């Protein structure tokens, strides 16, 4: 089964896309387990999501099944997963609600100005890549700390890191907007 995106044909049914789809299926249950403070289950699903994220790209490259479609699916899944998990953690008061809102908005901006829906590969900035990793690190720090019953990192440190990510996400979005306005 193939689908056409722009001038590139991408195959939906690949092993890499299957791993990505599995990660997408884990997003809502992981967020629900976190929101209901079932930390062991949230940690288990987060670990599975991280594993699928580490494997899907190398698998696609090894099997020569990379495509703009696969990249868009991978990044969309990462954004959905981390946004839902950060939202769940913000409902418990661990993080400011503004962070998951900005993560979602920045991803939509990223897709739009990369012209990914026209079949182009996504173009991430250095700061955007760092933020994308840091969103997962922050969510994992809260989930794993609670699952393991640890006292560190404490809530104040996690909240400070969250506010730093709010600032760097806004900076990244402003930089992308500035670059987009300069090229149009």
C-alpha atoms as a PDB file:
ATOM      1  CA  UNK A   1       0.000   0.000   0.000  1.00  0.00           C
ATOM      2  CA  UNK A   2       1.566   3.273  -1.065  1.00  0.00           C
ATOM      3  CA  UNK A   3       0.531   6.858  -0.697  1.00  0.00           C
ATOM      4  CA  UNK A   4       1.723   9.848  -2.638  1.00  0.00           C
ATOM      5  CA  UNK A   5       2.968  12.945  -0.829  1.00  0.00           C
ATOM      6  CA  UNK A   6       4.142  15.724  -3.099  1.00  0.00           C
ATOM      7  CA  UNK A   7       6.443  14.180  -5.662  1.00  0.00           C
ATOM      8  CA  UNK A   8       7.591  11.389  -3.351  1.00  0.00           C
ATOM      9  CA  UNK A   9       5.986   7.993  -2.905  1.00  0.00           C
ATOM     10  CA  UNK A  10       6.047   6.792   0.681  1.00  0.00           C
ATOM     11  CA  UNK A  11       5.047   3.376   1.905  1.00  0.00           C
ATOM     12  CA  UNK A  12       2.783   3.363   4.939  1.00  0.00           C
ATOM     13  CA  UNK A  13       3.198  -0.274   5.881  1.00  0.00           C
ATOM     14  CA  UNK A  14       6.822  -0.566   6.959  1.00  0.00           C
ATOM     15  CA  UNK A  15       8.434  -1.996  10.073  1.00  0.00           C
ATOM     16  CA  UNK A  16       9.636   1.466  11.103  1.00  0.00           C
ATOM     17  CA  UNK A  17       6.184   2.989  10.689  1.00  0.00           C
ATOM     18  CA  UNK A  18       4.793   0.059  12.679  1.00  0.00           C
ATOM     19  CA  UNK A  19       7.086   0.960  15.581  1.00  0.00           C
ATOM     20  CA  UNK A  20       6.024   4.581  15.259  1.00  0.00           C
ATOM     21  CA  UNK A  21       2.354   3.570  15.232  1.00  0.00           C
ATOM     22  CA  UNK A  22       2.924   1.506  18.370  1.00  0.00           C
ATOM     23  CA  UNK A  23       4.362   4.602  20.058  1.00  0.00           C
ATOM     24  CA  UNK A  24       1.297   6.577  19.024  1.00  0.00           C
ATOM     25  CA  UNK A  25      -0.959   3.906  20.530  1.00  0.00           C
ATOM     26  CA  UNK A  26       0.986   4.177  23.811  1.00  0.00           C
ATOM     27  CA  UNK A  27       0.529   7.963  24.094  1.00  0.00           C
ATOM     28  CA  UNK A  28      -2.962   8.180  25.598  1.00  0.00           C
ATOM     29  CA  UNK A  29      -2.553   5.242  28.029  1.00  0.00           C
ATOM     30  CA  UNK A  30       0.819   6.590  29.186  1.00  0.00           C
ATOM     31  CA  UNK A  31      -0.701  10.018  29.833  1.00  0.00           C
ATOM     32  CA  UNK A  32      -3.688   8.453  31.612  1.00  0.00           C
ATOM     33  CA  UNK A  33      -1.450   6.363  33.871  1.00  0.00           C
ATOM     34  CA  UNK A  34       0.558   9.482  34.726  1.00  0.00           C
ATOM     35  CA  UNK A  35      -2.571  11.573  35.332  1.00  0.00           C
ATOM     36  CA  UNK A  36      -3.881   8.895  37.710  1.00  0.00           C
ATOM     37  CA  UNK A  37      -0.488   8.553  39.449  1.00  0.00           C
ATOM     38  CA  UNK A  38       0.008   4.963  38.333  1.00  0.00           C
ATOM     39  CA  UNK A  39       3.686   5.653  37.955  1.00  0.00           C
ATOM     40  CA  UNK A  40       4.966   2.129  37.332  1.00  0.00           C
ATOM     41  CA  UNK A  41       2.648   1.707  34.354  1.00  0.00           C
ATOM     42  CA  UNK A  42       3.422   5.204  33.081  1.00  0.00           C
ATOM     43  CA  UNK A  43       7.155   4.420  33.327  1.00  0.00           C
ATOM     44  CA  UNK A  44       6.743   1.105  31.521  1.00  0.00           C
ATOM     45  CA  UNK A  45       4.835   2.687  28.621  1.00  0.00           C
ATOM     46  CA  UNK A  46       7.223   5.641  28.464  1.00  0.00           C
ATOM     47  CA  UNK A  47      10.151   3.205  28.290  1.00  0.00           C
ATOM     48  CA  UNK A  48       8.461   1.330  25.434  1.00  0.00           C
ATOM     49  CA  UNK A  49       7.834   4.623  23.635  1.00  0.00           C
ATOM     50  CA  UNK A  50      11.458   5.698  24.017  1.00  0.00           C
ATOM     51  CA  UNK A  51      12.637   2.311  22.742  1.00  0.00           C
ATOM     52  CA  UNK A  52      10.421   2.510  19.645  1.00  0.00           C
ATOM     53  CA  UNK A  53      11.652   6.054  19.014  1.00  0.00           C
ATOM     54  CA  UNK A  54      15.273   4.943  19.200  1.00  0.00           C
ATOM     55  CA  UNK A  55      14.644   2.022  16.822  1.00  0.00           C
ATOM     56  CA  UNK A  56      12.305   3.347  14.131  1.00  0.00           C
ATOM     57  CA  UNK A  57      14.728   5.704  12.372  1.00  0.00           C
ATOM     58  CA  UNK A  58      17.692   3.313  12.202  1.00  0.00           C
ATOM     59  CA  UNK A  59      15.351   0.536  11.061  1.00  0.00           C
ATOM     60  CA  UNK A  60      13.935   2.705   8.276  1.00  0.00           C
ATOM     61  CA  UNK A  61      17.447   3.612   7.130  1.00  0.00           C
ATOM     62  CA  UNK A  62      18.678   0.006   7.308  1.00  0.00           C
ATOM     63  CA  UNK A  63      15.706  -1.238   5.261  1.00  0.00           C
ATOM     64  CA  UNK A  64      15.928   1.778   2.915  1.00  0.00           C
ATOM     65  CA  UNK A  65      12.380   2.807   3.759  1.00  0.00           C
ATOM     66  CA  UNK A  66      13.005   6.424   4.732  1.00  0.00           C
ATOM     67  CA  UNK A  67      10.593   9.012   3.395  1.00  0.00           C
ATOM     68  CA  UNK A  68       9.185  12.444   4.118  1.00  0.00           C
ATOM     69  CA  UNK A  69       6.004  10.646   5.155  1.00  0.00           C
ATOM     70  CA  UNK A  70       7.864   8.473   7.669  1.00  0.00           C
ATOM     71  CA  UNK A  71       9.668  11.507   9.083  1.00  0.00           C
ATOM     72  CA  UNK A  72       6.408  13.389   9.447  1.00  0.00           C
ATOM     73  CA  UNK A  73       4.756  10.381  11.103  1.00  0.00           C
ATOM     74  CA  UNK A  74       7.697   9.963  13.495  1.00  0.00           C
ATOM     75  CA  UNK A  75       7.829  13.623  14.528  1.00  0.00           C
ATOM     76  CA  UNK A  76       4.032  13.895  14.777  1.00  0.00           C
ATOM     77  CA  UNK A  77       3.952  10.857  17.032  1.00  0.00           C
ATOM     78  CA  UNK A  78       6.731  12.241  19.228  1.00  0.00           C
ATOM     79  CA  UNK A  79       4.892  15.553  19.509  1.00  0.00           C
ATOM     80  CA  UNK A  80       1.576  13.875  20.348  1.00  0.00           C
ATOM     81  CA  UNK A  81       3.175  11.557  22.909  1.00  0.00           C
ATOM     82  CA  UNK A  82       5.144  14.208  24.749  1.00  0.00           C
ATOM     83  CA  UNK A  83       2.339  16.786  24.598  1.00  0.00           C
ATOM     84  CA  UNK A  84      -0.159  14.373  26.145  1.00  0.00           C
ATOM     85  CA  UNK A  85       2.308  13.274  28.818  1.00  0.00           C
ATOM     86  CA  UNK A  86       3.298  16.848  29.693  1.00  0.00           C
ATOM     87  CA  UNK A  87      -0.381  17.792  29.815  1.00  0.00           C
ATOM     88  CA  UNK A  88      -1.075  14.939  32.231  1.00  0.00           C
ATOM     89  CA  UNK A  89       1.834  16.040  34.417  1.00  0.00           C
ATOM     90  CA  UNK A  90       0.649  19.641  34.349  1.00  0.00           C
ATOM     91  CA  UNK A  91      -2.815  18.583  35.584  1.00  0.00           C
ATOM     92  CA  UNK A  92      -1.075  17.161  38.656  1.00  0.00           C
ATOM     93  CA  UNK A  93       0.761  20.449  39.211  1.00  0.00           C
ATOM     94  CA  UNK A  94       4.247  19.211  38.334  1.00  0.00           C
ATOM     95  CA  UNK A  95       4.596  21.491  35.313  1.00  0.00           C
ATOM     96  CA  UNK A  96       3.062  24.746  34.060  1.00  0.00           C
ATOM     97  CA  UNK A  97       0.099  24.200  31.721  1.00  0.00           C
ATOM     98  CA  UNK A  98       1.736  26.591  29.268  1.00  0.00           C
ATOM     99  CA  UNK A  99       4.439  24.063  28.359  1.00  0.00           C
ATOM    100  CA  UNK A 100       2.248  21.400  26.678  1.00  0.00           C
ATOM    101  CA  UNK A 101       0.332  24.156  24.862  1.00  0.00           C
ATOM    102  CA  UNK A 102       3.585  25.582  23.504  1.00  0.00           C
ATOM    103  CA  UNK A 103       4.892  22.139  22.545  1.00  0.00           C
ATOM    104  CA  UNK A 104       1.793  21.554  20.419  1.00  0.00           C
ATOM    105  CA  UNK A 105       1.919  25.044  18.892  1.00  0.00           C
ATOM    106  CA  UNK A 106       5.633  24.808  18.115  1.00  0.00           C
ATOM    107  CA  UNK A 107       5.158  21.449  16.406  1.00  0.00           C
ATOM    108  CA  UNK A 108       2.360  22.833  14.229  1.00  0.00           C
ATOM    109  CA  UNK A 109       4.583  25.769  13.291  1.00  0.00           C
ATOM    110  CA  UNK A 110       7.439  23.353  12.538  1.00  0.00           C
ATOM    111  CA  UNK A 111       5.265  21.333  10.157  1.00  0.00           C
ATOM    112  CA  UNK A 112       3.842  24.440   8.489  1.00  0.00           C
ATOM    113  CA  UNK A 113       7.076  26.277   7.824  1.00  0.00           C
ATOM    114  CA  UNK A 114       8.884  23.091   6.773  1.00  0.00           C
ATOM    115  CA  UNK A 115       6.109  22.567   4.202  1.00  0.00           C
ATOM    116  CA  UNK A 116       5.993  18.920   5.294  1.00  0.00           C
ATOM    117  CA  UNK A 117       2.425  18.469   4.065  1.00  0.00           C
ATOM    118  CA  UNK A 118       3.701  19.245   0.568  1.00  0.00           C
ATOM    119  CA  UNK A 119       6.091  16.307   0.822  1.00  0.00           C
ATOM    120  CA  UNK A 120       9.194  18.118   2.003  1.00  0.00           C
ATOM    121  CA  UNK A 121      11.425  16.763   4.727  1.00  0.00           C
ATOM    122  CA  UNK A 122      11.044  18.447   8.107  1.00  0.00           C
ATOM    123  CA  UNK A 123      13.728  21.019   8.882  1.00  0.00           C
ATOM    124  CA  UNK A 124      14.595  21.239  12.563  1.00  0.00           C
ATOM    125  CA  UNK A 125      16.721  23.982  14.048  1.00  0.00           C
ATOM    126  CA  UNK A 126      19.410  23.194  16.595  1.00  0.00           C
ATOM    127  CA  UNK A 127      17.295  24.722  19.369  1.00  0.00           C
ATOM    128  CA  UNK A 128      14.199  22.873  18.172  1.00  0.00           C
ATOM    129  CA  UNK A 129      16.036  19.532  18.280  1.00  0.00           C
ATOM    130  CA  UNK A 130      17.353  20.290  21.768  1.00  0.00           C
ATOM    131  CA  UNK A 131      13.863  21.248  22.930  1.00  0.00           C
ATOM    132  CA  UNK A 132      12.371  18.081  21.457  1.00  0.00           C
ATOM    133  CA  UNK A 133      14.797  15.940  23.433  1.00  0.00           C
ATOM    134  CA  UNK A 134      14.412  18.060  26.569  1.00  0.00           C
ATOM    135  CA  UNK A 135      10.611  17.641  26.554  1.00  0.00           C
ATOM    136  CA  UNK A 136      11.088  13.881  26.826  1.00  0.00           C
ATOM    137  CA  UNK A 137      13.825  14.284  29.443  1.00  0.00           C
ATOM    138  CA  UNK A 138      11.562  16.443  31.611  1.00  0.00           C
ATOM    139  CA  UNK A 139       8.596  14.076  31.319  1.00  0.00           C
ATOM    140  CA  UNK A 140      10.839  11.079  32.002  1.00  0.00           C
ATOM    141  CA  UNK A 141      12.380  12.763  35.046  1.00  0.00           C
ATOM    142  CA  UNK A 142       8.951  13.223  36.632  1.00  0.00           C
ATOM    143  CA  UNK A 143       7.622   9.780  35.682  1.00  0.00           C
ATOM    144  CA  UNK A 144      10.721   7.766  36.613  1.00  0.00           C
ATOM    145  CA  UNK A 145      11.320   9.724  39.829  1.00  0.00           C
ATOM    146  CA  UNK A 146       7.790   8.959  40.980  1.00  0.00           C
ATOM    147  CA  UNK A 147       7.874   5.350  39.762  1.00  0.00           C
ATOM    148  CA  UNK A 148      11.085   4.720  41.688  1.00  0.00           C
ATOM    149  CA  UNK A 149      10.016   6.704  44.770  1.00  0.00           C
ATOM    150  CA  UNK A 150      13.010   9.031  44.562  1.00  0.00           C
ATOM    151  CA  UNK A 151      13.276  12.470  46.141  1.00  0.00           C
ATOM    152  CA  UNK A 152      15.480  13.875  43.373  1.00  0.00           C
ATOM    153  CA  UNK A 153      15.012  15.789  41.192  1.00  0.00           C
ATOM    154  CA  UNK A 154      12.768  17.782  43.482  1.00  0.00           C
ATOM    155  CA  UNK A 155       9.639  19.607  42.341  1.00  0.00           C
ATOM    156  CA  UNK A 156      11.334  23.025  42.337  1.00  0.00           C
ATOM    157  CA  UNK A 157      14.090  21.829  39.992  1.00  0.00           C
ATOM    158  CA  UNK A 158      11.578  20.172  37.663  1.00  0.00           C
ATOM    159  CA  UNK A 159       9.438  23.304  37.569  1.00  0.00           C
ATOM    160  CA  UNK A 160      12.484  25.494  36.883  1.00  0.00           C
ATOM    161  CA  UNK A 161      13.458  23.190  34.004  1.00  0.00           C
ATOM    162  CA  UNK A 162       9.884  23.386  32.698  1.00  0.00           C
ATOM    163  CA  UNK A 163       9.957  27.197  32.728  1.00  0.00           C
ATOM    164  CA  UNK A 164      13.332  27.134  30.983  1.00  0.00           C
ATOM    165  CA  UNK A 165      11.711  24.975  28.282  1.00  0.00           C
ATOM    166  CA  UNK A 166       8.836  27.457  28.023  1.00  0.00           C
ATOM    167  CA  UNK A 167      11.402  30.198  27.360  1.00  0.00           C
ATOM    168  CA  UNK A 168      13.444  28.170  24.856  1.00  0.00           C
ATOM    169  CA  UNK A 169      10.293  27.019  23.048  1.00  0.00           C
ATOM    170  CA  UNK A 170       9.135  30.617  22.662  1.00  0.00           C
ATOM    171  CA  UNK A 171      12.630  31.562  21.462  1.00  0.00           C
ATOM    172  CA  UNK A 172      12.633  28.710  18.948  1.00  0.00           C
ATOM    173  CA  UNK A 173       9.195  29.667  17.654  1.00  0.00           C
ATOM    174  CA  UNK A 174      10.247  33.310  17.333  1.00  0.00           C
ATOM    175  CA  UNK A 175      13.403  32.296  15.455  1.00  0.00           C
ATOM    176  CA  UNK A 176      11.428  30.086  13.040  1.00  0.00           C
ATOM    177  CA  UNK A 177       8.906  32.870  12.472  1.00  0.00           C
ATOM    178  CA  UNK A 178      11.689  35.383  11.842  1.00  0.00           C
ATOM    179  CA  UNK A 179      13.368  33.039   9.358  1.00  0.00           C
ATOM    180  CA  UNK A 180      10.056  32.289   7.614  1.00  0.00           C
ATOM    181  CA  UNK A 181       9.189  35.991   7.310  1.00  0.00           C
ATOM    182  CA  UNK A 182      12.641  36.672   5.904  1.00  0.00           C
ATOM    183  CA  UNK A 183      12.228  34.070   3.127  1.00  0.00           C
ATOM    184  CA  UNK A 184       8.707  34.883   2.015  1.00  0.00           C
END
